[in-house]
Amino acid sequence: MKKLIIINGPNLNLLGKREPEVYGHQTFTEYLDLLRAKFPAATLEYYQSNIEGELIDKIQEVGFTYDGIILNAAAYTHTSVGIGDAVKAIQTPVVEVHISNTFSREEFRHQSYISPNAKGVILGFGLQSYDLAIESFISF
């Protein structure tokens, strides 16, 4: 059984309410229940914070004992050298995930401080981006 954690960054606690035309109408808690049912071969934990340092602390906490991290650092993807450094410092592989296609949005969203040290990047498939990331840990 793979031990995975989904770590979501700022404003993702507002899924289902925030910009539904971009992020959809489903809350992440609702979606997490579906993911757990769909992937019984994985233990899926979940963590969300709007605070950069708390995200770094969680990455460091799980970064040597889990089989995989699915990280949607949201806006911090494009601004946080600290989160990028945390991903580089750990042993657990990280898949960077984004609900929207960041390359079809504002230019500042085209830069990622996480991607250079991630196992892979999945973006633009809505919440299904998380399914694909989980599948990457189970199948590869």
N, C-alpha and C. Protein backbone atom coordinates (compact mmCIF):
# COMPACT_ATOMS: atom_id res chain seq x y z
N MET A 1 0.85 -1.18 0.00
CA MET A 1 0.00 0.00 0.00
C MET A 1 0.89 1.24 0.00
N LYS A 2 0.65 2.14 -0.93
CA LYS A 2 1.42 3.38 -1.04
C LYS A 2 0.88 4.42 -0.07
N LYS A 3 1.78 5.05 0.65
CA LYS A 3 1.41 6.11 1.58
C LYS A 3 1.68 7.46 0.89
N LEU A 4 0.60 8.13 0.53
CA LEU A 4 0.68 9.39 -0.21
C LEU A 4 0.02 10.50 0.58
N ILE A 5 0.48 11.71 0.33
CA ILE A 5 -0.18 12.88 0.92
C ILE A 5 -0.39 13.92 -0.16
N ILE A 6 -1.55 14.52 -0.13
CA ILE A 6 -1.87 15.67 -0.98
C ILE A 6 -1.68 16.91 -0.12
N ILE A 7 -0.84 17.81 -0.58
CA ILE A 7 -0.61 19.07 0.12
C ILE A 7 -1.08 20.20 -0.78
N ASN A 8 -2.07 20.93 -0.31
CA ASN A 8 -2.62 22.06 -1.06
C ASN A 8 -2.27 23.37 -0.39
N GLY A 9 -1.97 24.36 -1.20
CA GLY A 9 -1.57 25.67 -0.72
C GLY A 9 -2.72 26.66 -0.65
N PRO A 10 -2.37 27.94 -0.71
CA PRO A 10 -3.31 29.02 -0.41
C PRO A 10 -4.53 29.06 -1.32
N ASN A 11 -5.64 29.34 -0.68
CA ASN A 11 -6.94 29.55 -1.30
C ASN A 11 -7.60 28.28 -1.83
N LEU A 12 -6.91 27.15 -1.77
CA LEU A 12 -7.53 25.91 -2.24
C LEU A 12 -8.56 25.39 -1.24
N ASN A 13 -8.58 25.94 -0.05
CA ASN A 13 -9.66 25.65 0.89
C ASN A 13 -10.98 26.25 0.41
N LEU A 14 -10.94 27.12 -0.58
CA LEU A 14 -12.15 27.75 -1.11
C LEU A 14 -12.68 27.07 -2.37
N LEU A 15 -12.12 25.91 -2.72
CA LEU A 15 -12.64 25.20 -3.90
C LEU A 15 -14.13 24.96 -3.72
N GLY A 16 -14.86 25.12 -4.81
CA GLY A 16 -16.31 25.00 -4.77
C GLY A 16 -16.98 26.36 -4.63
N LYS A 17 -16.24 27.34 -4.12
CA LYS A 17 -16.75 28.70 -3.95
C LYS A 17 -15.97 29.69 -4.80
N ARG A 18 -14.67 29.48 -4.89
CA ARG A 18 -13.76 30.43 -5.55
C ARG A 18 -13.74 30.19 -7.05
N GLU A 19 -14.02 31.20 -7.81
CA GLU A 19 -13.92 31.17 -9.27
C GLU A 19 -14.33 29.81 -9.85
N PRO A 20 -15.60 29.45 -9.71
CA PRO A 20 -16.03 28.12 -10.17
C PRO A 20 -15.82 27.90 -11.67
N GLU A 21 -15.74 28.97 -12.45
CA GLU A 21 -15.48 28.82 -13.88
C GLU A 21 -14.07 28.31 -14.15
N VAL A 22 -13.16 28.51 -13.20
CA VAL A 22 -11.78 28.03 -13.31
C VAL A 22 -11.60 26.74 -12.52
N TYR A 23 -12.15 26.71 -11.29
CA TYR A 23 -11.84 25.63 -10.35
C TYR A 23 -13.00 24.66 -10.11
N GLY A 24 -14.16 24.92 -10.68
CA GLY A 24 -15.29 24.00 -10.52
C GLY A 24 -16.12 24.29 -9.29
N HIS A 25 -17.13 23.45 -9.07
CA HIS A 25 -18.10 23.66 -8.00
C HIS A 25 -17.92 22.69 -6.83
N GLN A 26 -17.00 21.76 -6.94
CA GLN A 26 -16.81 20.74 -5.93
C GLN A 26 -15.78 21.17 -4.89
N THR A 27 -16.06 20.91 -3.63
CA THR A 27 -15.06 21.19 -2.60
C THR A 27 -13.98 20.11 -2.65
N PHE A 28 -12.81 20.42 -2.12
CA PHE A 28 -11.76 19.41 -2.16
C PHE A 28 -12.07 18.26 -1.21
N THR A 29 -12.74 18.55 -0.11
CA THR A 29 -13.12 17.48 0.83
C THR A 29 -14.03 16.47 0.14
N GLU A 30 -14.98 16.97 -0.64
CA GLU A 30 -15.86 16.07 -1.40
C GLU A 30 -15.05 15.24 -2.40
N TYR A 31 -14.13 15.89 -3.06
CA TYR A 31 -13.32 15.19 -4.06
C TYR A 31 -12.38 14.18 -3.41
N LEU A 32 -11.85 14.50 -2.25
CA LEU A 32 -10.96 13.60 -1.55
C LEU A 32 -11.66 12.28 -1.22
N ASP A 33 -12.92 12.34 -0.84
CA ASP A 33 -13.68 11.12 -0.59
C ASP A 33 -13.74 10.25 -1.84
N LEU A 34 -13.93 10.87 -2.99
CA LEU A 34 -13.96 10.12 -4.26
C LEU A 34 -12.59 9.52 -4.57
N LEU A 35 -11.54 10.27 -4.32
CA LEU A 35 -10.18 9.76 -4.57
C LEU A 35 -9.89 8.54 -3.69
N ARG A 36 -10.25 8.62 -2.44
CA ARG A 36 -10.00 7.49 -1.52
C ARG A 36 -10.75 6.25 -1.97
N ALA A 37 -11.97 6.43 -2.46
CA ALA A 37 -12.75 5.28 -2.95
C ALA A 37 -12.16 4.73 -4.24
N LYS A 38 -11.66 5.61 -5.09
CA LYS A 38 -11.13 5.21 -6.39
C LYS A 38 -9.77 4.52 -6.28
N PHE A 39 -8.99 4.88 -5.26
CA PHE A 39 -7.63 4.35 -5.13
C PHE A 39 -7.45 3.63 -3.79
N PRO A 40 -8.09 2.47 -3.64
CA PRO A 40 -7.96 1.74 -2.36
C PRO A 40 -6.55 1.21 -2.12
N ALA A 41 -5.71 1.17 -3.14
CA ALA A 41 -4.34 0.68 -2.99
C ALA A 41 -3.41 1.75 -2.40
N ALA A 42 -3.97 2.91 -2.10
CA ALA A 42 -3.16 3.99 -1.54
C ALA A 42 -3.80 4.51 -0.25
N THR A 43 -2.95 4.82 0.70
CA THR A 43 -3.40 5.56 1.87
C THR A 43 -3.23 7.02 1.53
N LEU A 44 -4.34 7.74 1.44
CA LEU A 44 -4.30 9.15 1.04
C LEU A 44 -4.55 10.05 2.24
N GLU A 45 -3.54 10.84 2.58
CA GLU A 45 -3.70 11.86 3.61
C GLU A 45 -3.81 13.21 2.92
N TYR A 46 -4.30 14.19 3.66
CA TYR A 46 -4.53 15.51 3.08
C TYR A 46 -4.12 16.59 4.07
N TYR A 47 -3.50 17.64 3.51
CA TYR A 47 -3.11 18.79 4.31
C TYR A 47 -3.28 20.03 3.44
N GLN A 48 -3.83 21.10 4.03
CA GLN A 48 -3.97 22.37 3.34
C GLN A 48 -3.60 23.49 4.29
N SER A 49 -2.87 24.48 3.76
CA SER A 49 -2.56 25.67 4.53
C SER A 49 -2.44 26.87 3.60
N ASN A 50 -2.80 28.01 4.13
CA ASN A 50 -2.60 29.27 3.42
C ASN A 50 -1.27 29.92 3.78
N ILE A 51 -0.50 29.25 4.63
CA ILE A 51 0.72 29.84 5.18
C ILE A 51 1.95 29.10 4.63
N GLU A 52 2.82 29.84 3.98
CA GLU A 52 3.99 29.27 3.32
C GLU A 52 4.85 28.42 4.25
N GLY A 53 5.18 28.93 5.42
CA GLY A 53 6.03 28.19 6.35
C GLY A 53 5.40 26.88 6.81
N GLU A 54 4.09 26.86 6.97
CA GLU A 54 3.41 25.62 7.36
C GLU A 54 3.50 24.58 6.25
N LEU A 55 3.44 25.01 5.00
CA LEU A 55 3.59 24.09 3.88
C LEU A 55 5.01 23.50 3.86
N ILE A 56 6.00 24.35 4.10
CA ILE A 56 7.39 23.88 4.16
C ILE A 56 7.56 22.89 5.31
N ASP A 57 7.00 23.21 6.47
CA ASP A 57 7.09 22.30 7.62
C ASP A 57 6.48 20.93 7.28
N LYS A 58 5.34 20.91 6.61
CA LYS A 58 4.68 19.65 6.28
C LYS A 58 5.51 18.87 5.26
N ILE A 59 6.05 19.54 4.26
CA ILE A 59 6.91 18.87 3.27
C ILE A 59 8.11 18.23 3.97
N GLN A 60 8.73 18.95 4.88
CA GLN A 60 9.87 18.40 5.61
C GLN A 60 9.45 17.25 6.52
N GLU A 61 8.29 17.35 7.15
CA GLU A 61 7.80 16.32 8.06
C GLU A 61 7.59 14.98 7.36
N VAL A 62 7.02 15.01 6.14
CA VAL A 62 6.68 13.76 5.44
C VAL A 62 7.71 13.38 4.38
N GLY A 63 8.66 14.24 4.14
CA GLY A 63 9.57 14.09 3.01
C GLY A 63 10.62 13.01 3.08
N PHE A 64 10.61 12.23 4.15
CA PHE A 64 11.57 11.13 4.25
C PHE A 64 10.90 9.81 4.58
N THR A 65 9.58 9.83 4.76
CA THR A 65 8.89 8.61 5.19
C THR A 65 7.71 8.21 4.31
N TYR A 66 7.22 9.10 3.47
CA TYR A 66 6.08 8.80 2.61
C TYR A 66 6.56 8.29 1.26
N ASP A 67 5.66 7.63 0.54
CA ASP A 67 5.98 7.14 -0.81
C ASP A 67 5.81 8.22 -1.87
N GLY A 68 5.04 9.24 -1.57
CA GLY A 68 4.84 10.30 -2.55
C GLY A 68 4.10 11.49 -1.98
N ILE A 69 4.40 12.64 -2.54
CA ILE A 69 3.72 13.89 -2.21
C ILE A 69 3.12 14.44 -3.49
N ILE A 70 1.84 14.78 -3.42
CA ILE A 70 1.16 15.47 -4.51
C ILE A 70 0.99 16.91 -4.02
N LEU A 71 1.68 17.82 -4.66
CA LEU A 71 1.78 19.19 -4.16
C LEU A 71 1.16 20.18 -5.13
N ASN A 72 0.13 20.85 -4.66
CA ASN A 72 -0.41 22.00 -5.37
C ASN A 72 -0.14 23.20 -4.47
N ALA A 73 0.98 23.83 -4.69
CA ALA A 73 1.37 24.97 -3.87
C ALA A 73 0.64 26.24 -4.28
N ALA A 74 -0.25 26.13 -5.27
CA ALA A 74 -1.06 27.26 -5.74
C ALA A 74 -0.15 28.45 -6.07
N ALA A 75 -0.51 29.63 -5.64
CA ALA A 75 0.25 30.83 -6.00
C ALA A 75 1.69 30.78 -5.51
N TYR A 76 1.96 30.03 -4.43
CA TYR A 76 3.34 29.91 -3.95
C TYR A 76 4.25 29.20 -4.95
N THR A 77 3.66 28.45 -5.86
CA THR A 77 4.44 27.79 -6.92
C THR A 77 5.33 28.81 -7.63
N HIS A 78 4.78 30.00 -7.83
CA HIS A 78 5.41 31.01 -8.67
C HIS A 78 6.23 32.02 -7.88
N THR A 79 6.21 31.91 -6.55
CA THR A 79 6.87 32.92 -5.74
C THR A 79 7.80 32.36 -4.66
N SER A 80 7.64 31.09 -4.30
CA SER A 80 8.32 30.59 -3.11
C SER A 80 9.59 29.79 -3.41
N VAL A 81 10.70 30.45 -3.27
CA VAL A 81 11.98 29.75 -3.35
C VAL A 81 12.08 28.76 -2.19
N GLY A 82 11.50 29.11 -1.04
CA GLY A 82 11.54 28.25 0.13
C GLY A 82 10.84 26.91 -0.09
N ILE A 83 9.69 26.92 -0.72
CA ILE A 83 8.99 25.66 -1.02
C ILE A 83 9.78 24.87 -2.04
N GLY A 84 10.31 25.55 -3.04
CA GLY A 84 11.16 24.86 -4.02
C GLY A 84 12.37 24.22 -3.37
N ASP A 85 12.99 24.92 -2.44
CA ASP A 85 14.14 24.36 -1.72
C ASP A 85 13.74 23.18 -0.85
N ALA A 86 12.56 23.23 -0.23
CA ALA A 86 12.08 22.12 0.60
C ALA A 86 11.89 20.87 -0.25
N VAL A 87 11.33 21.03 -1.44
CA VAL A 87 11.14 19.89 -2.35
C VAL A 87 12.49 19.31 -2.74
N LYS A 88 13.46 20.17 -2.98
CA LYS A 88 14.79 19.71 -3.36
C LYS A 88 15.49 18.98 -2.20
N ALA A 89 15.19 19.35 -0.98
CA ALA A 89 15.90 18.83 0.19
C ALA A 89 15.42 17.46 0.66
N ILE A 90 14.25 17.03 0.22
CA ILE A 90 13.68 15.78 0.75
C ILE A 90 13.96 14.61 -0.19
N GLN A 91 13.66 13.40 0.30
CA GLN A 91 13.85 12.19 -0.50
C GLN A 91 12.56 11.72 -1.18
N THR A 92 11.42 11.99 -0.58
CA THR A 92 10.13 11.56 -1.13
C THR A 92 9.87 12.26 -2.46
N PRO A 93 9.52 11.51 -3.50
CA PRO A 93 9.22 12.16 -4.77
C PRO A 93 7.95 13.02 -4.69
N VAL A 94 7.98 14.11 -5.43
CA VAL A 94 6.88 15.08 -5.45
C VAL A 94 6.37 15.21 -6.88
N VAL A 95 5.04 15.15 -7.01
CA VAL A 95 4.40 15.50 -8.28
C VAL A 95 3.70 16.84 -8.06
N GLU A 96 4.08 17.80 -8.87
CA GLU A 96 3.46 19.13 -8.83
C GLU A 96 2.15 19.08 -9.61
N VAL A 97 1.09 19.58 -9.01
CA VAL A 97 -0.24 19.52 -9.61
C VAL A 97 -0.85 20.91 -9.63
N HIS A 98 -1.57 21.19 -10.71
CA HIS A 98 -2.38 22.41 -10.80
C HIS A 98 -3.70 22.07 -11.45
N ILE A 99 -4.76 22.63 -10.93
CA ILE A 99 -6.10 22.38 -11.46
C ILE A 99 -6.25 23.05 -12.83
N SER A 100 -5.79 24.27 -12.93
CA SER A 100 -5.88 25.01 -14.19
C SER A 100 -4.60 24.84 -15.00
N ASN A 101 -4.67 25.18 -16.27
CA ASN A 101 -3.48 25.20 -17.10
C ASN A 101 -2.79 26.54 -16.84
N THR A 102 -1.77 26.52 -16.03
CA THR A 102 -1.11 27.76 -15.63
C THR A 102 -0.50 28.51 -16.82
N PHE A 103 -0.22 27.78 -17.90
CA PHE A 103 0.38 28.44 -19.08
C PHE A 103 -0.65 29.17 -19.92
N SER A 104 -1.93 28.97 -19.63
CA SER A 104 -2.97 29.72 -20.35
C SER A 104 -3.44 30.92 -19.52
N ARG A 105 -2.76 31.16 -18.42
CA ARG A 105 -3.14 32.25 -17.52
C ARG A 105 -2.07 33.34 -17.55
N GLU A 106 -2.06 34.19 -16.55
CA GLU A 106 -1.13 35.31 -16.51
C GLU A 106 0.31 34.81 -16.62
N GLU A 107 1.16 35.65 -17.21
CA GLU A 107 2.54 35.24 -17.47
C GLU A 107 3.31 34.87 -16.20
N PHE A 108 3.03 35.54 -15.08
CA PHE A 108 3.77 35.21 -13.85
C PHE A 108 3.51 33.78 -13.41
N ARG A 109 2.41 33.17 -13.86
CA ARG A 109 2.10 31.78 -13.49
C ARG A 109 2.86 30.76 -14.36
N HIS A 110 3.65 31.23 -15.30
CA HIS A 110 4.41 30.32 -16.16
C HIS A 110 5.70 29.85 -15.48
N GLN A 111 6.12 30.50 -14.41
CA GLN A 111 7.34 30.16 -13.67
C GLN A 111 6.98 29.28 -12.48
N SER A 112 7.73 28.21 -12.27
CA SER A 112 7.54 27.35 -11.10
C SER A 112 8.88 27.14 -10.41
N TYR A 113 8.90 27.34 -9.11
CA TYR A 113 10.09 27.05 -8.31
C TYR A 113 10.09 25.59 -7.84
N ILE A 114 9.01 24.87 -8.12
CA ILE A 114 8.89 23.48 -7.71
C ILE A 114 9.30 22.53 -8.83
N SER A 115 8.90 22.83 -10.05
CA SER A 115 9.10 21.94 -11.20
C SER A 115 10.52 21.39 -11.35
N PRO A 116 11.57 22.19 -11.17
CA PRO A 116 12.92 21.65 -11.39
C PRO A 116 13.27 20.46 -10.50
N ASN A 117 12.58 20.31 -9.37
CA ASN A 117 12.90 19.23 -8.45
C ASN A 117 11.75 18.24 -8.27
N ALA A 118 10.75 18.34 -9.11
CA ALA A 118 9.60 17.44 -9.03
C ALA A 118 9.80 16.21 -9.91
N LYS A 119 9.18 15.12 -9.52
CA LYS A 119 9.16 13.91 -10.34
C LYS A 119 8.44 14.18 -11.65
N GLY A 120 7.41 15.02 -11.58
CA GLY A 120 6.63 15.37 -12.76
C GLY A 120 5.68 16.51 -12.44
N VAL A 121 5.05 17.02 -13.49
CA VAL A 121 4.10 18.14 -13.36
C VAL A 121 2.84 17.78 -14.14
N ILE A 122 1.70 17.95 -13.48
CA ILE A 122 0.41 17.69 -14.14
C ILE A 122 -0.43 18.94 -13.94
N LEU A 123 -0.93 19.49 -15.04
CA LEU A 123 -1.73 20.70 -14.92
C LEU A 123 -2.79 20.76 -16.00
N GLY A 124 -3.88 21.45 -15.66
CA GLY A 124 -4.90 21.75 -16.64
C GLY A 124 -6.01 20.73 -16.79
N PHE A 125 -6.06 19.71 -15.97
CA PHE A 125 -7.09 18.68 -16.08
C PHE A 125 -8.14 18.81 -14.98
N GLY A 126 -8.27 19.99 -14.42
CA GLY A 126 -9.22 20.18 -13.33
C GLY A 126 -8.80 19.33 -12.14
N LEU A 127 -9.77 18.91 -11.35
CA LEU A 127 -9.46 18.08 -10.20
C LEU A 127 -8.88 16.74 -10.60
N GLN A 128 -9.13 16.31 -11.83
CA GLN A 128 -8.56 15.05 -12.30
C GLN A 128 -7.04 15.08 -12.34
N SER A 129 -6.44 16.25 -12.25
CA SER A 129 -4.98 16.34 -12.16
C SER A 129 -4.48 15.54 -10.96
N TYR A 130 -5.26 15.53 -9.88
CA TYR A 130 -4.88 14.76 -8.70
C TYR A 130 -4.96 13.26 -8.97
N ASP A 131 -5.99 12.82 -9.70
CA ASP A 131 -6.10 11.40 -10.07
C ASP A 131 -4.85 10.96 -10.83
N LEU A 132 -4.46 11.77 -11.79
CA LEU A 132 -3.30 11.43 -12.61
C LEU A 132 -2.02 11.35 -11.78
N ALA A 133 -1.90 12.25 -10.81
CA ALA A 133 -0.72 12.23 -9.94
C ALA A 133 -0.71 10.97 -9.08
N ILE A 134 -1.85 10.60 -8.52
CA ILE A 134 -1.93 9.38 -7.72
C ILE A 134 -1.59 8.18 -8.58
N GLU A 135 -2.15 8.16 -9.77
CA GLU A 135 -1.88 7.05 -10.70
C GLU A 135 -0.39 6.93 -11.00
N SER A 136 0.30 8.06 -11.08
CA SER A 136 1.74 8.03 -11.36
C SER A 136 2.52 7.34 -10.25
N PHE A 137 2.05 7.45 -9.02
CA PHE A 137 2.72 6.79 -7.90
C PHE A 137 2.35 5.31 -7.81
N ILE A 138 1.15 4.97 -8.22
CA ILE A 138 0.70 3.58 -8.14
C ILE A 138 1.23 2.76 -9.30
N SER A 139 1.27 3.35 -10.48
CA SER A 139 1.59 2.60 -11.71
C SER A 139 3.06 2.62 -12.10
N PHE A 140 3.81 3.62 -11.66
CA PHE A 140 5.19 3.75 -12.11
C PHE A 140 6.17 3.53 -10.99
